[in-house]
Amino acid sequence: MRNPQQPPLPVASTEIRSHWGENLLRETSAELRRLHPLLDITTRVVGGPPSEALAAAARSSTMLVIGSRGLGSIAGLVVGSVVSATMAATEHPVVVVRSSGNPVAPANGLRTRGAIVADVETRRPCDSLLAFAFEGAAHRRAALHVLHGWTPPPILSYAPALDPGVLQEMAHGITAALEELFRPWRDKFPSVEVEARAPIGQAAIQLVEAGFQAPLAVGRRIRSSAFGPHVGPITHALLHHSTAPVAVVAHD
C-alpha cells in the first residue's frame, strides 16, 4: 500500500525522455568530434524497446557497439538482458564496451601494441570469428592470442599413477591443432603475430582473466530457443565479468 504522506515518483513524459536523449547525443557527438575530427558521426533518437531498436540498427551496419556502464546488480541485470536480447536478434558482430570511468583517448593515443585474445573451438572452427580477429589485429597492428581452455577427461582423475607428461602431451596436441587451424590466416595476414595457448581450465575463467589486459573476441552459434534469447555460457560470463571490450561474432 502506498504511503499517503509520500507522493508517487514522477514519470518522465515521452517529450522529456526524447529531449534528454537528444541532449545526450549532442554532447556525446560533440566530444567525439573534438577527439576524432576526421570521423563522420551521425546521431539518431529512436523509440521502442531498446533491444529491438538496436537490432534494427545492426541490420544495416557492419558492426554494433553497445556501451555498458557497469551498473549495480539489479541495473546490471537489466542492461545484460538488453545486450543478450540484441545479440540474439542480429547476426552481425556486436561489441560490448564497459565504461571504465576514464576519458576517451584520442585516435593517436590508441594502444597498438596490445594483444587481442580470441576464443577458438578446435572441433567446430569458426571462419567468421577468425576473420574478425585477424582483421582487428591487423588494423590495430596488434598481436593475436588464440586461446582454448580445456578440461582433462574424467577418466584421468581415476588414474593417479598416470604419467604427468600425458597432460602436457594433450595440451601440445590441442596447441598443434590450433596452429593448423589458423595456418591459412597467417598467410592472409602475414603482419599479424599469432600465439596459440591451450591452458587447462574452464574457457570462461581463462578468458575473463585474459580480459584484464586485452580485448576479447568470442563466437556465438546462431540458434533459436523456446525460452528466449540465448548467447551461450562463455559469452554470458564475459558480458557480466570482463572489464575489457568483448566482441561477439555470430556464426552457424
Protein backbone atom coordinates (compact mmCIF):
# COMPACT_ATOMS: atom_id res chain seq x y z
CA MET A 1 0.00 0.00 0.00
CA ARG A 2 1.35 3.42 -0.93
CA ASN A 3 2.13 5.83 1.90
CA PRO A 4 -0.31 8.77 1.55
CA GLN A 5 2.33 11.09 3.03
CA GLN A 6 4.78 10.19 0.23
CA PRO A 7 3.86 11.38 -3.26
CA PRO A 8 4.40 8.98 -6.17
CA LEU A 9 7.64 9.22 -8.12
CA PRO A 10 7.27 11.42 -11.19
CA VAL A 11 7.32 9.61 -14.51
CA ALA A 12 9.10 11.37 -17.35
CA SER A 13 6.90 12.05 -20.33
CA THR A 14 7.81 10.94 -23.85
CA GLU A 15 8.73 14.52 -24.72
CA ILE A 16 11.07 14.84 -21.72
CA ARG A 17 12.77 11.50 -22.48
CA SER A 18 13.21 12.49 -26.12
CA HIS A 19 14.68 15.87 -25.10
CA TRP A 20 17.06 14.16 -22.67
CA GLY A 21 18.16 11.69 -25.35
CA GLU A 22 18.80 14.45 -27.88
CA ASN A 23 20.92 16.39 -25.38
CA LEU A 24 22.90 13.27 -24.54
CA LEU A 25 23.60 12.53 -28.20
CA ARG A 26 24.50 16.15 -28.90
CA GLU A 27 27.01 16.31 -26.03
CA THR A 28 28.49 12.90 -26.84
CA SER A 29 28.88 13.58 -30.55
CA ALA A 30 30.48 16.98 -29.81
CA GLU A 31 33.07 15.33 -27.57
CA LEU A 32 33.77 12.59 -30.13
CA ARG A 33 34.20 15.15 -32.93
CA ARG A 34 36.67 17.02 -30.74
CA LEU A 35 38.70 13.87 -30.12
CA HIS A 36 38.32 12.42 -33.63
CA PRO A 37 37.89 15.34 -36.07
CA LEU A 38 38.21 13.13 -39.16
CA LEU A 39 35.41 10.78 -38.08
CA ASP A 40 32.00 11.11 -39.74
CA ILE A 41 29.44 10.99 -36.92
CA THR A 42 25.64 10.96 -37.16
CA THR A 43 23.12 10.66 -34.33
CA ARG A 44 19.54 9.47 -34.15
CA VAL A 45 16.95 9.05 -31.40
CA VAL A 46 14.72 6.01 -31.88
CA GLY A 47 11.72 4.79 -29.95
CA GLY A 48 10.57 1.35 -28.90
CA PRO A 49 12.20 -1.41 -26.83
CA PRO A 50 16.00 -0.90 -26.72
CA SER A 51 16.88 -4.41 -27.93
CA GLU A 52 14.56 -4.14 -30.96
CA ALA A 53 15.86 -0.66 -31.87
CA LEU A 54 19.49 -1.79 -31.58
CA ALA A 55 18.90 -4.96 -33.57
CA ALA A 56 17.17 -2.97 -36.32
CA ALA A 57 20.14 -0.59 -36.49
CA ALA A 58 22.56 -3.51 -36.64
CA ARG A 59 20.88 -4.97 -39.72
CA SER A 60 22.06 -2.02 -41.80
CA SER A 61 25.53 -1.90 -40.24
CA THR A 62 28.71 -3.96 -40.29
CA MET A 63 29.15 -3.80 -36.51
CA LEU A 64 27.10 -2.80 -33.47
CA VAL A 65 28.84 -1.33 -30.42
CA ILE A 66 26.98 -1.21 -27.10
CA GLY A 67 28.23 0.70 -24.07
CA SER A 68 27.76 -0.70 -20.58
CA ARG A 69 28.28 1.48 -17.52
CA GLY A 70 28.86 -1.46 -15.16
CA LEU A 71 25.82 -0.62 -13.03
CA GLY A 72 24.77 -2.35 -9.83
CA SER A 73 23.37 -5.86 -9.61
CA ILE A 74 19.76 -5.04 -10.50
CA ALA A 75 20.51 -2.43 -13.15
CA GLY A 76 23.27 -4.67 -14.45
CA LEU A 77 20.79 -7.48 -14.99
CA VAL A 78 18.53 -5.13 -16.94
CA VAL A 79 21.40 -3.92 -19.12
CA GLY A 80 22.58 -7.51 -19.55
CA SER A 81 19.15 -8.63 -20.70
CA VAL A 82 19.07 -5.85 -23.31
CA VAL A 83 22.51 -6.85 -24.62
CA SER A 84 21.60 -10.55 -24.72
CA ALA A 85 18.30 -9.89 -26.49
CA THR A 86 20.03 -7.63 -29.01
CA MET A 87 22.69 -10.23 -29.77
CA ALA A 88 20.08 -12.94 -30.26
CA ALA A 89 18.24 -10.74 -32.77
CA THR A 90 21.19 -9.92 -35.04
CA GLU A 91 23.82 -11.91 -36.93
CA HIS A 92 26.27 -9.00 -37.16
CA PRO A 93 29.26 -8.67 -34.80
CA VAL A 94 28.34 -6.98 -31.52
CA VAL A 95 30.99 -5.30 -29.38
CA VAL A 96 30.21 -4.55 -25.73
CA VAL A 97 32.40 -1.90 -24.09
CA ARG A 98 32.21 -1.41 -20.35
CA SER A 99 32.81 2.11 -19.08
CA SER A 100 35.98 2.44 -17.03
CA GLY A 101 35.32 6.00 -15.95
CA ASN A 102 38.33 7.19 -17.93
CA PRO A 103 38.01 9.77 -20.72
CA VAL A 104 38.11 8.57 -24.30
CA ALA A 105 41.66 8.58 -25.67
CA PRO A 106 42.32 10.41 -28.94
CA ALA A 107 43.00 8.43 -32.09
CA ASN A 108 46.76 8.92 -31.94
CA GLY A 109 46.78 7.59 -28.38
CA LEU A 110 45.43 4.14 -29.14
CA ARG A 111 47.49 1.26 -27.80
CA THR A 112 48.58 -0.53 -30.97
CA ARG A 113 50.93 -2.91 -29.20
CA GLY A 114 48.35 -4.63 -27.00
CA ALA A 115 47.12 -8.08 -27.95
CA ILE A 116 43.67 -9.29 -28.97
CA VAL A 117 42.52 -12.55 -27.39
CA ALA A 118 40.23 -14.87 -29.36
CA ASP A 119 38.47 -17.96 -28.01
CA VAL A 120 38.54 -20.75 -30.62
CA GLU A 121 36.98 -24.20 -30.71
CA THR A 122 39.09 -26.84 -32.45
CA ARG A 123 36.18 -29.20 -33.13
CA ARG A 124 33.87 -26.53 -34.54
CA PRO A 125 36.06 -23.87 -36.14
CA CYS A 126 34.55 -20.51 -36.96
CA ASP A 127 35.89 -18.71 -40.02
CA SER A 128 33.80 -15.63 -39.20
CA LEU A 129 35.44 -15.30 -35.79
CA LEU A 130 38.95 -15.89 -37.15
CA ALA A 131 38.39 -13.34 -39.92
CA PHE A 132 37.15 -10.77 -37.39
CA ALA A 133 40.06 -11.42 -35.01
CA PHE A 134 42.78 -11.34 -37.68
CA GLU A 135 41.35 -8.23 -39.36
CA GLY A 136 41.09 -6.49 -36.00
CA ALA A 137 44.66 -7.40 -35.05
CA ALA A 138 45.98 -6.26 -38.45
CA HIS A 139 44.09 -2.96 -38.20
CA ARG A 140 45.38 -2.28 -34.68
CA ARG A 141 48.87 -3.56 -35.51
CA ALA A 142 48.46 -5.84 -32.51
CA ALA A 143 49.34 -9.42 -31.70
CA LEU A 144 46.63 -12.08 -31.68
CA HIS A 145 46.49 -14.63 -28.87
CA VAL A 146 44.32 -17.62 -29.72
CA LEU A 147 43.05 -19.22 -26.51
CA HIS A 148 41.39 -22.59 -25.98
CA GLY A 149 40.58 -23.56 -22.40
CA TRP A 150 40.02 -27.28 -21.84
CA THR A 151 39.39 -29.81 -19.09
CA PRO A 152 41.08 -33.24 -18.92
CA PRO A 153 38.79 -36.26 -19.44
CA PRO A 154 37.19 -37.52 -16.19
CA ILE A 155 38.97 -40.86 -16.57
CA LEU A 156 42.27 -39.19 -15.70
CA SER A 157 41.03 -38.47 -12.18
CA TYR A 158 40.83 -42.24 -11.60
CA ALA A 159 44.41 -42.84 -12.72
CA PRO A 160 46.67 -41.20 -10.10
CA ALA A 161 49.70 -43.16 -11.30
CA LEU A 162 49.33 -41.85 -14.84
CA ASP A 163 52.44 -40.24 -16.29
CA PRO A 164 52.18 -36.47 -15.60
CA GLY A 165 53.52 -35.90 -19.08
CA VAL A 166 50.21 -37.07 -20.56
CA LEU A 167 48.55 -33.72 -19.80
CA GLN A 168 51.43 -31.90 -21.42
CA GLU A 169 51.11 -34.09 -24.50
CA MET A 170 47.36 -33.40 -24.66
CA ALA A 171 47.94 -29.63 -24.34
CA HIS A 172 50.61 -29.83 -27.04
CA GLY A 173 48.18 -31.69 -29.33
CA ILE A 174 45.50 -29.03 -28.85
CA THR A 175 48.01 -26.26 -29.49
CA ALA A 176 49.16 -28.00 -32.68
CA ALA A 177 45.51 -28.26 -33.81
CA LEU A 178 45.09 -24.51 -33.21
CA GLU A 179 48.24 -23.77 -35.19
CA GLU A 180 46.94 -25.85 -38.10
CA LEU A 181 43.54 -24.18 -37.85
CA PHE A 182 44.79 -20.66 -38.43
CA ARG A 183 47.66 -21.52 -40.78
CA PRO A 184 45.69 -20.15 -43.82
CA TRP A 185 45.02 -16.95 -41.88
CA ARG A 186 48.73 -16.49 -41.23
CA ASP A 187 49.27 -16.49 -44.98
CA LYS A 188 46.48 -13.95 -45.48
CA PHE A 189 47.66 -11.67 -42.65
CA PRO A 190 51.46 -12.12 -42.54
CA SER A 191 51.94 -8.99 -40.43
CA VAL A 192 49.89 -10.39 -37.51
CA GLU A 193 51.91 -12.08 -34.79
CA VAL A 194 49.92 -15.11 -33.58
CA GLU A 195 50.32 -17.12 -30.40
CA ALA A 196 48.25 -20.22 -29.57
CA ARG A 197 47.62 -21.23 -25.96
CA ALA A 198 45.74 -24.20 -24.52
CA PRO A 199 45.65 -23.77 -20.71
CA ILE A 200 43.81 -26.27 -18.54
CA GLY A 201 40.63 -24.80 -17.05
CA GLN A 202 37.19 -23.53 -17.98
CA ALA A 203 37.28 -21.34 -21.06
CA ALA A 204 35.13 -18.61 -19.46
CA ILE A 205 37.50 -18.25 -16.49
CA GLN A 206 40.57 -18.21 -18.72
CA LEU A 207 39.03 -15.53 -20.94
CA VAL A 208 37.89 -13.31 -18.07
CA GLU A 209 41.43 -13.39 -16.67
CA ALA A 210 42.86 -12.61 -20.12
CA GLY A 211 40.35 -9.78 -20.48
CA PHE A 212 42.01 -7.76 -17.72
CA GLN A 213 44.77 -6.92 -20.19
CA ALA A 214 43.34 -7.29 -23.70
CA PRO A 215 40.10 -7.01 -25.68
CA LEU A 216 38.34 -10.30 -26.34
CA ALA A 217 36.68 -11.92 -29.36
CA VAL A 218 34.34 -14.89 -28.99
CA GLY A 219 31.95 -16.74 -31.25
CA ARG A 220 28.21 -17.26 -30.77
CA ARG A 221 26.40 -20.07 -32.52
CA ILE A 222 23.18 -18.88 -34.17
CA ARG A 223 20.36 -20.81 -32.56
CA SER A 224 16.72 -20.29 -31.65
CA SER A 225 15.32 -21.18 -28.25
CA ALA A 226 11.79 -21.52 -26.95
CA PHE A 227 12.98 -19.90 -23.70
CA GLY A 228 14.09 -16.64 -25.25
CA PRO A 229 17.46 -15.25 -26.33
CA HIS A 230 20.46 -17.48 -25.75
CA VAL A 231 24.07 -16.35 -26.09
CA GLY A 232 25.89 -19.31 -24.54
CA PRO A 233 27.59 -19.70 -21.13
CA ILE A 234 31.01 -18.34 -22.17
CA THR A 235 29.58 -15.20 -23.76
CA HIS A 236 27.24 -14.72 -20.80
CA ALA A 237 30.16 -14.94 -18.34
CA LEU A 238 32.27 -12.46 -20.32
CA LEU A 239 29.45 -9.93 -20.62
CA HIS A 240 28.99 -9.90 -16.86
CA HIS A 241 32.57 -10.19 -15.62
CA SER A 242 35.04 -8.98 -18.26
CA THR A 243 36.39 -5.47 -17.83
CA ALA A 244 37.73 -5.44 -21.40
CA PRO A 245 35.71 -4.86 -24.60
CA VAL A 246 34.07 -8.08 -25.77
CA ALA A 247 33.33 -8.73 -29.45
CA VAL A 248 30.73 -11.44 -30.10
CA VAL A 249 30.70 -12.86 -33.64
CA ALA A 250 27.66 -14.89 -34.70
CA HIS A 251 28.20 -17.97 -36.87
CA ASP A 252 26.39 -21.14 -37.97
